[in-house]
Structures are given as structure tokens and as C-alpha cells.
Full PDB file with SEQRES, HELIX, SHEET, SSBOND, CRYST1, ORIGX, SCALE, CONECT and MASTER records, all heavy atoms in Angstrom:
SEQRES   1 A   33  SER VAL ARG GLU VAL CYS GLY TYR ALA PRO ASN ASN VAL          
SEQRES   2 A   33  ASN THR MET ALA VAL ALA ALA MET ALA ALA PRO HIS LEU          
SEQRES   3 A   33  GLY PHE ASP GLN VAL GLU ALA                                  
HELIX    1 AA1 VAL A    2  TYR A    8  1                                   7    
HELIX    2 AA2 ASN A   14  ALA A   22  1                                   9    
HELIX    3 AA3 GLY A   27  GLN A   30  1                                   4    
CRYST1    1.000    1.000    1.000  90.00  90.00  90.00 P 1           1          
ORIGX1      1.000000  0.000000  0.000000        0.00000                         
ORIGX2      0.000000  1.000000  0.000000        0.00000                         
ORIGX3      0.000000  0.000000  1.000000        0.00000                         
SCALE1      1.000000  0.000000  0.000000        0.00000                         
SCALE2      0.000000  1.000000  0.000000        0.00000                         
SCALE3      0.000000  0.000000  1.000000        0.00000                         
ATOM      1  N   SER A   1       0.823  -1.204   0.000  1.00  0.00           N  
ATOM      2  CA  SER A   1       0.000   0.000   0.000  1.00  0.00           C  
ATOM      3  C   SER A   1       0.863   1.264   0.000  1.00  0.00           C  
ATOM      4  O   SER A   1       2.015   1.258   0.441  1.00  0.00           O  
ATOM      5  CB  SER A   1      -0.911   0.022   1.236  1.00  0.00           C  
ATOM      6  OG  SER A   1      -0.152   0.287   2.408  1.00  0.00           O  
ATOM      7  N   VAL A   2       0.280   2.352  -0.479  1.00  0.00           N  
ATOM      8  CA  VAL A   2       0.969   3.639  -0.437  1.00  0.00           C  
ATOM      9  C   VAL A   2       1.230   4.054   1.009  1.00  0.00           C  
ATOM     10  O   VAL A   2       2.287   4.610   1.327  1.00  0.00           O  
ATOM     11  CB  VAL A   2       0.157   4.720  -1.183  1.00  0.00           C  
ATOM     12  CG1 VAL A   2       0.745   6.107  -0.946  1.00  0.00           C  
ATOM     13  CG2 VAL A   2       0.118   4.419  -2.674  1.00  0.00           C  
ATOM     14  N   ARG A   3       0.308   3.760   1.901  1.00  0.00           N  
ATOM     15  CA  ARG A   3       0.503   4.138   3.297  1.00  0.00           C  
ATOM     16  C   ARG A   3       1.791   3.515   3.857  1.00  0.00           C  
ATOM     17  O   ARG A   3       2.582   4.179   4.539  1.00  0.00           O  
ATOM     18  CB  ARG A   3      -0.693   3.707   4.160  1.00  0.00           C  
ATOM     19  CG  ARG A   3      -0.617   4.318   5.568  1.00  0.00           C  
ATOM     20  CD  ARG A   3      -1.798   3.935   6.437  1.00  0.00           C  
ATOM     21  NE  ARG A   3      -3.099   4.208   5.870  1.00  0.00           N  
ATOM     22  CZ  ARG A   3      -3.674   5.419   5.856  1.00  0.00           C  
ATOM     23  NH1 ARG A   3      -3.038   6.454   6.359  1.00  0.00           N  
ATOM     24  NH2 ARG A   3      -4.875   5.572   5.327  1.00  0.00           N  
ATOM     25  N   GLU A   4       2.013   2.246   3.546  1.00  0.00           N  
ATOM     26  CA  GLU A   4       3.190   1.573   4.089  1.00  0.00           C  
ATOM     27  C   GLU A   4       4.479   2.114   3.468  1.00  0.00           C  
ATOM     28  O   GLU A   4       5.462   2.373   4.177  1.00  0.00           O  
ATOM     29  CB  GLU A   4       3.092   0.068   3.860  1.00  0.00           C  
ATOM     30  CG  GLU A   4       4.205  -0.721   4.535  1.00  0.00           C  
ATOM     31  CD  GLU A   4       4.049  -2.223   4.368  1.00  0.00           C  
ATOM     32  OE1 GLU A   4       3.147  -2.660   3.623  1.00  0.00           O  
ATOM     33  OE2 GLU A   4       4.849  -2.955   4.994  1.00  0.00           O  
ATOM     34  N   VAL A   5       4.497   2.309   2.159  1.00  0.00           N  
ATOM     35  CA  VAL A   5       5.736   2.758   1.517  1.00  0.00           C  
ATOM     36  C   VAL A   5       6.087   4.187   1.905  1.00  0.00           C  
ATOM     37  O   VAL A   5       7.258   4.569   1.914  1.00  0.00           O  
ATOM     38  CB  VAL A   5       5.656   2.602  -0.017  1.00  0.00           C  
ATOM     39  CG1 VAL A   5       4.862   3.730  -0.660  1.00  0.00           C  
ATOM     40  CG2 VAL A   5       7.057   2.541  -0.620  1.00  0.00           C  
ATOM     41  N   CYS A   6       5.101   4.998   2.263  1.00  0.00           N  
ATOM     42  CA  CYS A   6       5.387   6.367   2.719  1.00  0.00           C  
ATOM     43  C   CYS A   6       6.245   6.348   3.987  1.00  0.00           C  
ATOM     44  O   CYS A   6       7.043   7.267   4.206  1.00  0.00           O  
ATOM     45  CB  CYS A   6       4.087   7.123   2.995  1.00  0.00           C  
ATOM     46  SG  CYS A   6       3.254   7.734   1.509  1.00  0.00           S  
ATOM     47  N   GLY A   7       6.081   5.331   4.799  1.00  0.00           N  
ATOM     48  CA  GLY A   7       6.894   5.214   5.998  1.00  0.00           C  
ATOM     49  C   GLY A   7       8.313   4.769   5.712  1.00  0.00           C  
ATOM     50  O   GLY A   7       9.236   5.086   6.465  1.00  0.00           O  
ATOM     51  N   TYR A   8       8.504   4.040   4.616  1.00  0.00           N  
ATOM     52  CA  TYR A   8       9.818   3.517   4.277  1.00  0.00           C  
ATOM     53  C   TYR A   8      10.643   4.490   3.419  1.00  0.00           C  
ATOM     54  O   TYR A   8      11.877   4.459   3.466  1.00  0.00           O  
ATOM     55  CB  TYR A   8       9.681   2.202   3.503  1.00  0.00           C  
ATOM     56  CG  TYR A   8       9.145   1.046   4.308  1.00  0.00           C  
ATOM     57  CD1 TYR A   8       8.409   0.038   3.687  1.00  0.00           C  
ATOM     58  CD2 TYR A   8       9.370   0.948   5.679  1.00  0.00           C  
ATOM     59  CE1 TYR A   8       7.915  -1.046   4.411  1.00  0.00           C  
ATOM     60  CE2 TYR A   8       8.886  -0.129   6.411  1.00  0.00           C  
ATOM     61  CZ  TYR A   8       8.154  -1.117   5.770  1.00  0.00           C  
ATOM     62  OH  TYR A   8       7.672  -2.178   6.492  1.00  0.00           O  
ATOM     63  N   ALA A   9       9.974   5.306   2.615  1.00  0.00           N  
ATOM     64  CA  ALA A   9      10.691   6.178   1.674  1.00  0.00           C  
ATOM     65  C   ALA A   9       9.968   7.515   1.526  1.00  0.00           C  
ATOM     66  O   ALA A   9       9.543   7.885   0.427  1.00  0.00           O  
ATOM     67  CB  ALA A   9      10.826   5.485   0.316  1.00  0.00           C  
ATOM     68  N   PRO A  10       9.810   8.273   2.613  1.00  0.00           N  
ATOM     69  CA  PRO A  10       9.003   9.500   2.560  1.00  0.00           C  
ATOM     70  C   PRO A  10       9.517  10.553   1.592  1.00  0.00           C  
ATOM     71  O   PRO A  10       8.737  11.355   1.078  1.00  0.00           O  
ATOM     72  CB  PRO A  10       9.042  10.008   4.005  1.00  0.00           C  
ATOM     73  CG  PRO A  10      10.260   9.378   4.607  1.00  0.00           C  
ATOM     74  CD  PRO A  10      10.363   8.036   3.962  1.00  0.00           C  
ATOM     75  N   ASN A  11      10.838  10.558   1.304  1.00  0.00           N  
ATOM     76  CA  ASN A  11      11.382  11.552   0.386  1.00  0.00           C  
ATOM     77  C   ASN A  11      11.282  11.147  -1.071  1.00  0.00           C  
ATOM     78  O   ASN A  11      11.537  11.963  -1.961  1.00  0.00           O  
ATOM     79  CB  ASN A  11      12.852  11.833   0.726  1.00  0.00           C  
ATOM     80  CG  ASN A  11      13.012  12.508   2.070  1.00  0.00           C  
ATOM     81  OD1 ASN A  11      12.188  13.312   2.461  1.00  0.00           O  
ATOM     82  ND2 ASN A  11      14.061  12.161   2.793  1.00  0.00           N  
ATOM     83  N   ASN A  12      10.925   9.886  -1.331  1.00  0.00           N  
ATOM     84  CA  ASN A  12      10.903   9.388  -2.700  1.00  0.00           C  
ATOM     85  C   ASN A  12       9.507   9.227  -3.286  1.00  0.00           C  
ATOM     86  O   ASN A  12       9.360   9.178  -4.508  1.00  0.00           O  
ATOM     87  CB  ASN A  12      11.603   8.024  -2.786  1.00  0.00           C  
ATOM     88  CG  ASN A  12      13.100   8.116  -2.626  1.00  0.00           C  
ATOM     89  OD1 ASN A  12      13.677   7.483  -1.737  1.00  0.00           O  
ATOM     90  ND2 ASN A  12      13.759   8.881  -3.469  1.00  0.00           N  
ATOM     91  N   VAL A  13       8.484   9.107  -2.440  1.00  0.00           N  
ATOM     92  CA  VAL A  13       7.190   8.654  -2.947  1.00  0.00           C  
ATOM     93  C   VAL A  13       6.081   9.692  -2.787  1.00  0.00           C  
ATOM     94  O   VAL A  13       4.912   9.346  -2.659  1.00  0.00           O  
ATOM     95  CB  VAL A  13       6.785   7.314  -2.292  1.00  0.00           C  
ATOM     96  CG1 VAL A  13       7.789   6.230  -2.644  1.00  0.00           C  
ATOM     97  CG2 VAL A  13       6.646   7.452  -0.786  1.00  0.00           C  
ATOM     98  N   ASN A  14       6.436  10.975  -2.836  1.00  0.00           N  
ATOM     99  CA  ASN A  14       5.408  12.017  -2.758  1.00  0.00           C  
ATOM    100  C   ASN A  14       4.385  11.894  -3.882  1.00  0.00           C  
ATOM    101  O   ASN A  14       3.205  12.189  -3.689  1.00  0.00           O  
ATOM    102  CB  ASN A  14       6.057  13.398  -2.779  1.00  0.00           C  
ATOM    103  CG  ASN A  14       6.623  13.787  -1.428  1.00  0.00           C  
ATOM    104  OD1 ASN A  14       5.913  13.807  -0.423  1.00  0.00           O  
ATOM    105  ND2 ASN A  14       7.903  14.091  -1.383  1.00  0.00           N  
ATOM    106  N   THR A  15       4.835  11.465  -5.055  1.00  0.00           N  
ATOM    107  CA  THR A  15       3.914  11.285  -6.182  1.00  0.00           C  
ATOM    108  C   THR A  15       2.823  10.283  -5.827  1.00  0.00           C  
ATOM    109  O   THR A  15       1.648  10.484  -6.159  1.00  0.00           O  
ATOM    110  CB  THR A  15       4.681  10.810  -7.418  1.00  0.00           C  
ATOM    111  OG1 THR A  15       5.655  11.795  -7.777  1.00  0.00           O  
ATOM    112  CG2 THR A  15       3.738  10.586  -8.596  1.00  0.00           C  
ATOM    113  N   MET A  16       3.185   9.220  -5.157  1.00  0.00           N  
ATOM    114  CA  MET A  16       2.207   8.223  -4.745  1.00  0.00           C  
ATOM    115  C   MET A  16       1.222   8.816  -3.744  1.00  0.00           C  
ATOM    116  O   MET A  16       0.011   8.560  -3.804  1.00  0.00           O  
ATOM    117  CB  MET A  16       2.915   7.015  -4.131  1.00  0.00           C  
ATOM    118  CG  MET A  16       3.792   6.236  -5.098  1.00  0.00           C  
ATOM    119  SD  MET A  16       4.564   4.824  -4.270  1.00  0.00           S  
ATOM    120  CE  MET A  16       5.407   4.028  -5.648  1.00  0.00           C  
ATOM    121  N   ALA A  17       1.731   9.630  -2.817  1.00  0.00           N  
ATOM    122  CA  ALA A  17       0.864  10.251  -1.818  1.00  0.00           C  
ATOM    123  C   ALA A  17      -0.130  11.211  -2.456  1.00  0.00           C  
ATOM    124  O   ALA A  17      -1.296  11.281  -2.051  1.00  0.00           O  
ATOM    125  CB  ALA A  17       1.713  10.980  -0.783  1.00  0.00           C  
ATOM    126  N   VAL A  18       0.310  11.961  -3.471  1.00  0.00           N  
ATOM    127  CA  VAL A  18      -0.597  12.868  -4.181  1.00  0.00           C  
ATOM    128  C   VAL A  18      -1.735  12.079  -4.819  1.00  0.00           C  
ATOM    129  O   VAL A  18      -2.907  12.468  -4.748  1.00  0.00           O  
ATOM    130  CB  VAL A  18       0.163  13.671  -5.254  1.00  0.00           C  
ATOM    131  CG1 VAL A  18      -0.815  14.486  -6.106  1.00  0.00           C  
ATOM    132  CG2 VAL A  18       1.179  14.605  -4.608  1.00  0.00           C  
ATOM    133  N   ALA A  19      -1.407  10.962  -5.438  1.00  0.00           N  
ATOM    134  CA  ALA A  19      -2.437  10.130  -6.068  1.00  0.00           C  
ATOM    135  C   ALA A  19      -3.437   9.617  -5.038  1.00  0.00           C  
ATOM    136  O   ALA A  19      -4.650   9.598  -5.287  1.00  0.00           O  
ATOM    137  CB  ALA A  19      -1.785   8.962  -6.804  1.00  0.00           C  
ATOM    138  N   ALA A  20      -2.949   9.213  -3.874  1.00  0.00           N  
ATOM    139  CA  ALA A  20      -3.840   8.729  -2.826  1.00  0.00           C  
ATOM    140  C   ALA A  20      -4.754   9.838  -2.325  1.00  0.00           C  
ATOM    141  O   ALA A  20      -5.931   9.607  -2.031  1.00  0.00           O  
ATOM    142  CB  ALA A  20      -3.022   8.146  -1.679  1.00  0.00           C  
ATOM    143  N   MET A  21      -4.222  11.062  -2.224  1.00  0.00           N  
ATOM    144  CA  MET A  21      -5.038  12.199  -1.798  1.00  0.00           C  
ATOM    145  C   MET A  21      -6.084  12.547  -2.856  1.00  0.00           C  
ATOM    146  O   MET A  21      -7.205  12.945  -2.535  1.00  0.00           O  
ATOM    147  CB  MET A  21      -4.143  13.409  -1.547  1.00  0.00           C  
ATOM    148  CG  MET A  21      -3.265  13.315  -0.324  1.00  0.00           C  
ATOM    149  SD  MET A  21      -4.186  13.557   1.217  1.00  0.00           S  
ATOM    150  CE  MET A  21      -4.509  15.332   1.138  1.00  0.00           C  
ATOM    151  N   ALA A  22      -5.713  12.406  -4.130  1.00  0.00           N  
ATOM    152  CA  ALA A  22      -6.608  12.779  -5.226  1.00  0.00           C  
ATOM    153  C   ALA A  22      -7.731  11.768  -5.427  1.00  0.00           C  
ATOM    154  O   ALA A  22      -8.738  12.080  -6.074  1.00  0.00           O  
ATOM    155  CB  ALA A  22      -5.815  12.931  -6.528  1.00  0.00           C  
ATOM    156  N   ALA A  23      -7.572  10.575  -4.890  1.00  0.00           N  
ATOM    157  CA  ALA A  23      -8.604   9.540  -4.985  1.00  0.00           C  
ATOM    158  C   ALA A  23      -8.973   9.101  -3.565  1.00  0.00           C  
ATOM    159  O   ALA A  23      -8.663   7.986  -3.141  1.00  0.00           O  
ATOM    160  CB  ALA A  23      -8.099   8.352  -5.800  1.00  0.00           C  
ATOM    161  N   PRO A  24      -9.634   9.971  -2.799  1.00  0.00           N  
ATOM    162  CA  PRO A  24      -9.864   9.686  -1.382  1.00  0.00           C  
ATOM    163  C   PRO A  24     -10.720   8.448  -1.123  1.00  0.00           C  
ATOM    164  O   PRO A  24     -10.655   7.880  -0.027  1.00  0.00           O  
ATOM    165  CB  PRO A  24     -10.551  10.965  -0.880  1.00  0.00           C  
ATOM    166  CG  PRO A  24     -11.123  11.616  -2.097  1.00  0.00           C  
ATOM    167  CD  PRO A  24     -10.180  11.280  -3.213  1.00  0.00           C  
ATOM    168  N   HIS A  25     -11.521   8.032  -2.095  1.00  0.00           N  
ATOM    169  CA  HIS A  25     -12.323   6.817  -1.887  1.00  0.00           C  
ATOM    170  C   HIS A  25     -11.432   5.573  -1.885  1.00  0.00           C  
ATOM    171  O   HIS A  25     -11.816   4.528  -1.347  1.00  0.00           O  
ATOM    172  CB  HIS A  25     -13.395   6.696  -2.966  1.00  0.00           C  
ATOM    173  CG  HIS A  25     -12.862   6.497  -4.345  1.00  0.00           C  
ATOM    174  ND1 HIS A  25     -12.147   7.471  -5.022  1.00  0.00           N  
ATOM    175  CD2 HIS A  25     -12.934   5.429  -5.189  1.00  0.00           C  
ATOM    176  CE1 HIS A  25     -11.808   7.014  -6.215  1.00  0.00           C  
ATOM    177  NE2 HIS A  25     -12.264   5.775  -6.329  1.00  0.00           N  
ATOM    178  N   LEU A  26     -10.238   5.670  -2.485  1.00  0.00           N  
ATOM    179  CA  LEU A  26      -9.250   4.594  -2.409  1.00  0.00           C  
ATOM    180  C   LEU A  26      -8.265   4.880  -1.282  1.00  0.00           C  
ATOM    181  O   LEU A  26      -8.007   4.034  -0.436  1.00  0.00           O  
ATOM    182  CB  LEU A  26      -8.498   4.462  -3.740  1.00  0.00           C  
ATOM    183  CG  LEU A  26      -9.329   4.079  -4.964  1.00  0.00           C  
ATOM    184  CD1 LEU A  26      -8.455   4.084  -6.220  1.00  0.00           C  
ATOM    185  CD2 LEU A  26      -9.979   2.714  -4.785  1.00  0.00           C  
ATOM    186  N   GLY A  27      -7.714   6.091  -1.289  1.00  0.00           N  
ATOM    187  CA  GLY A  27      -6.848   6.531  -0.212  1.00  0.00           C  
ATOM    188  C   GLY A  27      -5.530   5.786  -0.128  1.00  0.00           C  
ATOM    189  O   GLY A  27      -5.141   5.027  -1.016  1.00  0.00           O  
ATOM    190  N   PHE A  28      -4.847   5.988   0.963  1.00  0.00           N  
ATOM    191  CA  PHE A  28      -3.507   5.453   1.138  1.00  0.00           C  
ATOM    192  C   PHE A  28      -3.482   3.941   1.302  1.00  0.00           C  
ATOM    193  O   PHE A  28      -2.456   3.310   1.059  1.00  0.00           O  
ATOM    194  CB  PHE A  28      -2.844   6.118   2.351  1.00  0.00           C  
ATOM    195  CG  PHE A  28      -2.397   7.528   2.105  1.00  0.00           C  
ATOM    196  CD1 PHE A  28      -3.298   8.583   2.190  1.00  0.00           C  
ATOM    197  CD2 PHE A  28      -1.084   7.813   1.769  1.00  0.00           C  
ATOM    198  CE1 PHE A  28      -2.896   9.887   1.951  1.00  0.00           C  
ATOM    199  CE2 PHE A  28      -0.671   9.113   1.527  1.00  0.00           C  
ATOM    200  CZ  PHE A  28      -1.571  10.153   1.620  1.00  0.00           C  
ATOM    201  N   ASP A  29      -4.593   3.347   1.709  1.00  0.00           N  
ATOM    202  CA  ASP A  29      -4.598   1.902   1.925  1.00  0.00           C  
ATOM    203  C   ASP A  29      -4.919   1.108   0.665  1.00  0.00           C  
ATOM    204  O   ASP A  29      -4.469  -0.030   0.521  1.00  0.00           O  
ATOM    205  CB  ASP A  29      -5.604   1.543   3.021  1.00  0.00           C  
ATOM    206  CG  ASP A  29      -5.145   2.004   4.395  1.00  0.00           C  
ATOM    207  OD1 ASP A  29      -3.975   1.766   4.730  1.00  0.00           O  
ATOM    208  OD2 ASP A  29      -5.945   2.634   5.109  1.00  0.00           O  
ATOM    209  N   GLN A  30      -5.695   1.688  -0.247  1.00  0.00           N  
ATOM    210  CA  GLN A  30      -6.135   0.923  -1.411  1.00  0.00           C  
ATOM    211  C   GLN A  30      -5.405   1.274  -2.699  1.00  0.00           C  
ATOM    212  O   GLN A  30      -5.503   0.522  -3.674  1.00  0.00           O  
ATOM    213  CB  GLN A  30      -7.645   1.105  -1.608  1.00  0.00           C  
ATOM    214  CG  GLN A  30      -8.470   0.501  -0.484  1.00  0.00           C  
ATOM    215  CD  GLN A  30      -9.952   0.570  -0.775  1.00  0.00           C  
ATOM    216  OE1 GLN A  30     -10.437   0.070  -1.779  1.00  0.00           O  
ATOM    217  NE2 GLN A  30     -10.686   1.227   0.106  1.00  0.00           N  
ATOM    218  N   VAL A  31      -4.685   2.399  -2.754  1.00  0.00           N  
ATOM    219  CA  VAL A  31      -3.832   2.648  -3.907  1.00  0.00           C  
ATOM    220  C   VAL A  31      -2.580   1.792  -3.735  1.00  0.00           C  
ATOM    221  O   VAL A  31      -1.898   1.868  -2.714  1.00  0.00           O  
ATOM    222  CB  VAL A  31      -3.449   4.138  -4.024  1.00  0.00           C  
ATOM    223  CG1 VAL A  31      -2.462   4.340  -5.173  1.00  0.00           C  
ATOM    224  CG2 VAL A  31      -4.687   4.981  -4.263  1.00  0.00           C  
ATOM    225  N   GLU A  32      -2.294   0.958  -4.729  1.00  0.00           N  
ATOM    226  CA  GLU A  32      -1.175   0.024  -4.639  1.00  0.00           C  
ATOM    227  C   GLU A  32       0.117   0.691  -5.101  1.00  0.00           C  
ATOM    228  O   GLU A  32       0.125   1.476  -6.044  1.00  0.00           O  
ATOM    229  CB  GLU A  32      -1.449  -1.225  -5.476  1.00  0.00           C  
ATOM    230  CG  GLU A  32      -2.647  -2.027  -4.984  1.00  0.00           C  
ATOM    231  CD  GLU A  32      -2.859  -3.285  -5.798  1.00  0.00           C  
ATOM    232  OE1 GLU A  32      -1.947  -3.658  -6.576  1.00  0.00           O  
ATOM    233  OE2 GLU A  32      -3.938  -3.900  -5.667  1.00  0.00           O  
ATOM    234  N   ALA A  33       1.212   0.357  -4.431  1.00  0.00           N  
ATOM    235  CA  ALA A  33       2.510   0.959  -4.714  1.00  0.00           C  
ATOM    236  C   ALA A  33       3.547  -0.121  -5.010  1.00  0.00           C  
ATOM    237  O   ALA A  33       3.575  -1.164  -4.358  1.00  0.00           O  
ATOM    238  CB  ALA A  33       2.967   1.799  -3.521  1.00  0.00           C  
TER     239      ALA A  33                                                      
MASTER        0    0    0    3    0    0    0    6  238    1    0    3          
END                                                                             
């Protein structure tokens, strides 16, 4: 999940976090990374 990878590589995966924010019905748990 994007939520998990944000904890491992916060400086590298901002693009993934933006996508999770832009699709709140999926969010950080359901957008796959």
C-alpha cells in the first residue's frame, strides 16, 4: 500500500501520496505501490 511505503521512503514517494489524496475513496490503503 501507499501508506506503508510512505513510511519507508518519505522523500521518494510524494507522487504516490498525491495520487492517494486525489482519490480519497481509495486513499492510502487501497492505492497500490
